C-alpha atoms as a PDB file:
ATOM      1  CA  MET A   1      45.698 100.679 115.454  1.00  0.00           C
ATOM      2  CA  ASP A   2      44.149 103.739 114.094  1.00  0.00           C
ATOM      3  CA  HIS A   3      45.660 105.987 116.605  1.00  0.00           C
ATOM      4  CA  GLN A   4      49.232 105.343 115.460  1.00  0.00           C
ATOM      5  CA  ASP A   5      50.657 107.763 112.877  1.00  0.00           C
ATOM      6  CA  PHE A   6      53.467 106.155 111.217  1.00  0.00           C
ATOM      7  CA  LYS A   7      54.434 104.631 107.904  1.00  0.00           C
ATOM      8  CA  VAL A   8      56.493 101.524 107.143  1.00  0.00           C
ATOM      9  CA  VAL A   9      59.907 102.376 105.832  1.00  0.00           C
ATOM     10  CA  VAL A  10      62.017  99.774 103.926  1.00  0.00           C
ATOM     11  CA  LEU A  11      65.822 100.415 103.876  1.00  0.00           C
ATOM     12  CA  ARG A  12      67.684  98.809 101.041  1.00  0.00           C
ATOM     13  CA  LYS A  13      71.337  98.807 100.420  1.00  0.00           C
ATOM     14  CA  LYS A  14      72.322 100.417  97.094  1.00  0.00           C
ATOM     15  CA  THR A  15      73.755  97.999  94.665  1.00  0.00           C
ATOM     16  CA  SER A  16      76.454  99.226  92.263  1.00  0.00           C
ATOM     17  CA  PRO A  17      76.761  97.731  88.871  1.00  0.00           C
ATOM     18  CA  GLN A  18      80.536  97.432  89.179  1.00  0.00           C
ATOM     19  CA  LYS A  19      82.035  94.709  91.293  1.00  0.00           C
ATOM     20  CA  GLU A  20      84.473  95.909  93.897  1.00  0.00           C
ATOM     21  CA  LEU A  21      88.138  95.239  93.189  1.00  0.00           C
ATOM     22  CA  ASN A  22      90.087  92.856  95.492  1.00  0.00           C
ATOM     23  CA  PRO A  23      93.007  94.971  96.704  1.00  0.00           C
ATOM     24  CA  ILE A  24      95.291  91.993  97.256  1.00  0.00           C
ATOM     25  CA  LYS A  25      94.616  90.656  93.752  1.00  0.00           C
ATOM     26  CA  THR A  26      95.315  94.096  92.414  1.00  0.00           C
ATOM     27  CA  VAL A  27      98.706  94.147  94.038  1.00  0.00           C
ATOM     28  CA  ILE A  28      99.573  90.540  92.858  1.00  0.00           C
ATOM     29  CA  GLU A  29      98.737  91.524  89.233  1.00  0.00           C
ATOM     30  CA  SER A  30     100.797  94.754  89.186  1.00  0.00           C
ATOM     31  CA  LYS A  31     103.188  95.105  86.346  1.00  0.00           C
ATOM     32  CA  ASP A  32     106.462  97.024  85.908  1.00  0.00           C
ATOM     33  CA  ASP A  33     107.449  99.279  83.101  1.00  0.00           C
ATOM     34  CA  LYS A  34     108.368  96.294  80.864  1.00  0.00           C
ATOM     35  CA  GLY A  35     104.858  94.779  81.373  1.00  0.00           C
ATOM     36  CA  GLU A  36     106.281  91.932  83.547  1.00  0.00           C
ATOM     37  CA  ILE A  37     104.281  90.836  86.513  1.00  0.00           C
ATOM     38  CA  VAL A  38     105.919  92.026  89.858  1.00  0.00           C
ATOM     39  CA  LYS A  39     105.516  89.996  93.015  1.00  0.00           C
ATOM     40  CA  PRO A  40     104.349  91.921  96.000  1.00  0.00           C
ATOM     41  CA  LYS A  41     106.803  92.720  98.771  1.00  0.00           C
ATOM     42  CA  THR A  42     106.587  90.351 101.771  1.00  0.00           C
ATOM     43  CA  PHE A  43     108.319  90.162 105.105  1.00  0.00           C
ATOM     44  CA  THR A  44     111.701  88.454 104.672  1.00  0.00           C
ATOM     45  CA  VAL A  45     112.533  85.110 106.381  1.00  0.00           C
ATOM     46  CA  GLU A  46     115.373  86.896 108.261  1.00  0.00           C
ATOM     47  CA  PHE A  47     113.009  89.427 109.629  1.00  0.00           C
ATOM     48  CA  GLY A  48     110.615  86.588 110.823  1.00  0.00           C
ATOM     49  CA  ARG A  49     113.518  84.739 112.424  1.00  0.00           C
ATOM     50  CA  LYS A  50     114.640  87.852 114.262  1.00  0.00           C
ATOM     51  CA  LEU A  51     111.022  88.431 115.402  1.00  0.00           C
ATOM     52  CA  ALA A  52     110.682  84.779 116.563  1.00  0.00           C
ATOM     53  CA  THR A  53     113.873  85.090 118.587  1.00  0.00           C
ATOM     54  CA  LEU A  54     112.940  88.325 120.244  1.00  0.00           C
ATOM     55  CA  ARG A  55     109.451  86.986 120.971  1.00  0.00           C
ATOM     56  CA  THR A  56     110.700  83.839 122.692  1.00  0.00           C
ATOM     57  CA  GLU A  57     113.290  85.880 124.644  1.00  0.00           C
ATOM     58  CA  LYS A  58     110.393  87.764 126.197  1.00  0.00           C
ATOM     59  CA  ASN A  59     108.514  84.425 126.833  1.00  0.00           C
ATOM     60  CA  LEU A  60     105.674  85.342 124.569  1.00  0.00           C
ATOM     61  CA  LYS A  61     103.651  82.971 122.573  1.00  0.00           C
ATOM     62  CA  ARG A  62     102.315  83.901 119.131  1.00  0.00           C
ATOM     63  CA  LYS A  63      98.919  84.225 120.632  1.00  0.00           C
ATOM     64  CA  ASP A  64     100.201  86.621 123.258  1.00  0.00           C
ATOM     65  CA  LEU A  65     101.991  88.830 120.732  1.00  0.00           C
ATOM     66  CA  ALA A  66      98.938  88.820 118.500  1.00  0.00           C
ATOM     67  CA  LEU A  67      96.634  89.964 121.252  1.00  0.00           C
ATOM     68  CA  LYS A  68      99.145  92.819 122.119  1.00  0.00           C
ATOM     69  CA  LEU A  69      99.176  93.909 118.438  1.00  0.00           C
ATOM     70  CA  ASN A  70      95.445  93.383 117.881  1.00  0.00           C
ATOM     71  CA  LEU A  71      96.147  90.911 115.030  1.00  0.00           C
ATOM     72  CA  ARG A  72      95.381  87.186 114.366  1.00  0.00           C
ATOM     73  CA  GLU A  73      97.789  84.558 115.447  1.00  0.00           C
ATOM     74  CA  SER A  74      98.017  83.315 111.916  1.00  0.00           C
ATOM     75  CA  ILE A  75      99.429  86.770 110.821  1.00  0.00           C
ATOM     76  CA  ILE A  76     102.224  86.400 113.289  1.00  0.00           C
ATOM     77  CA  SER A  77     103.010  82.997 111.992  1.00  0.00           C
ATOM     78  CA  ASP A  78     102.974  84.160 108.362  1.00  0.00           C
ATOM     79  CA  ILE A  79     105.255  87.071 109.212  1.00  0.00           C
ATOM     80  CA  GLU A  80     107.665  84.704 110.967  1.00  0.00           C
ATOM     81  CA  ASN A  81     107.660  82.402 108.007  1.00  0.00           C
ATOM     82  CA  GLY A  82     108.027  85.214 105.360  1.00  0.00           C
ATOM     83  CA  LYS A  83     104.621  84.712 103.798  1.00  0.00           C
ATOM     84  CA  HIS A  84     102.712  87.801 104.931  1.00  0.00           C
ATOM     85  CA  LEU A  85     102.587  90.962 102.735  1.00  0.00           C
ATOM     86  CA  TYR A  86     104.747  93.692 104.031  1.00  0.00           C
ATOM     87  CA  ASP A  87     102.826  96.239 106.149  1.00  0.00           C
ATOM     88  CA  GLY A  88     104.560  99.264 107.691  1.00  0.00           C
ATOM     89  CA  GLY A  89     101.856  99.636 110.253  1.00  0.00           C
ATOM     90  CA  ILE A  90     102.607  96.129 111.694  1.00  0.00           C
ATOM     91  CA  VAL A  91     106.303  96.979 111.732  1.00  0.00           C
ATOM     92  CA  HIS A  92     105.632 100.161 113.677  1.00  0.00           C
ATOM     93  CA  LYS A  93     103.550  98.235 116.288  1.00  0.00           C
ATOM     94  CA  LEU A  94     106.267  95.601 116.554  1.00  0.00           C
ATOM     95  CA  LYS A  95     109.043  98.201 117.110  1.00  0.00           C
ATOM     96  CA  LYS A  96     107.080  99.504 120.026  1.00  0.00           C
ATOM     97  CA  ILE A  97     107.344  96.117 121.788  1.00  0.00           C
ATOM     98  CA  PHE A  98     110.705  95.140 120.302  1.00  0.00           C
ATOM     99  CA  PRO A  99     112.834  98.360 119.864  1.00  0.00           C
ATOM    100  CA  THR A 100     115.869  96.335 118.559  1.00  0.00           C
ATOM    101  CA  LEU A 101     113.849  94.778 115.752  1.00  0.00           C
END
């Protein structure tokens, strides 16, 4: 192997001394002007019921809708149950499929 002209290179990921912040935890721990903890905005139960109604009218299962939106089925379930954090991007995608939403 004397004819090969190369050196072994070892690539390592740089480690930072600070731990990355969890964005969801940061949102949950936000405080208002009075110093009281504010709960994050979630999809309302009414919005979820309307979504479920429109979805069933189009004969779509949660899995089918999730595939169309490129989301997990559990996210659709959480939205319909009012448990998922509000996301304007998801609303925008939903309005493309359900304009009356």
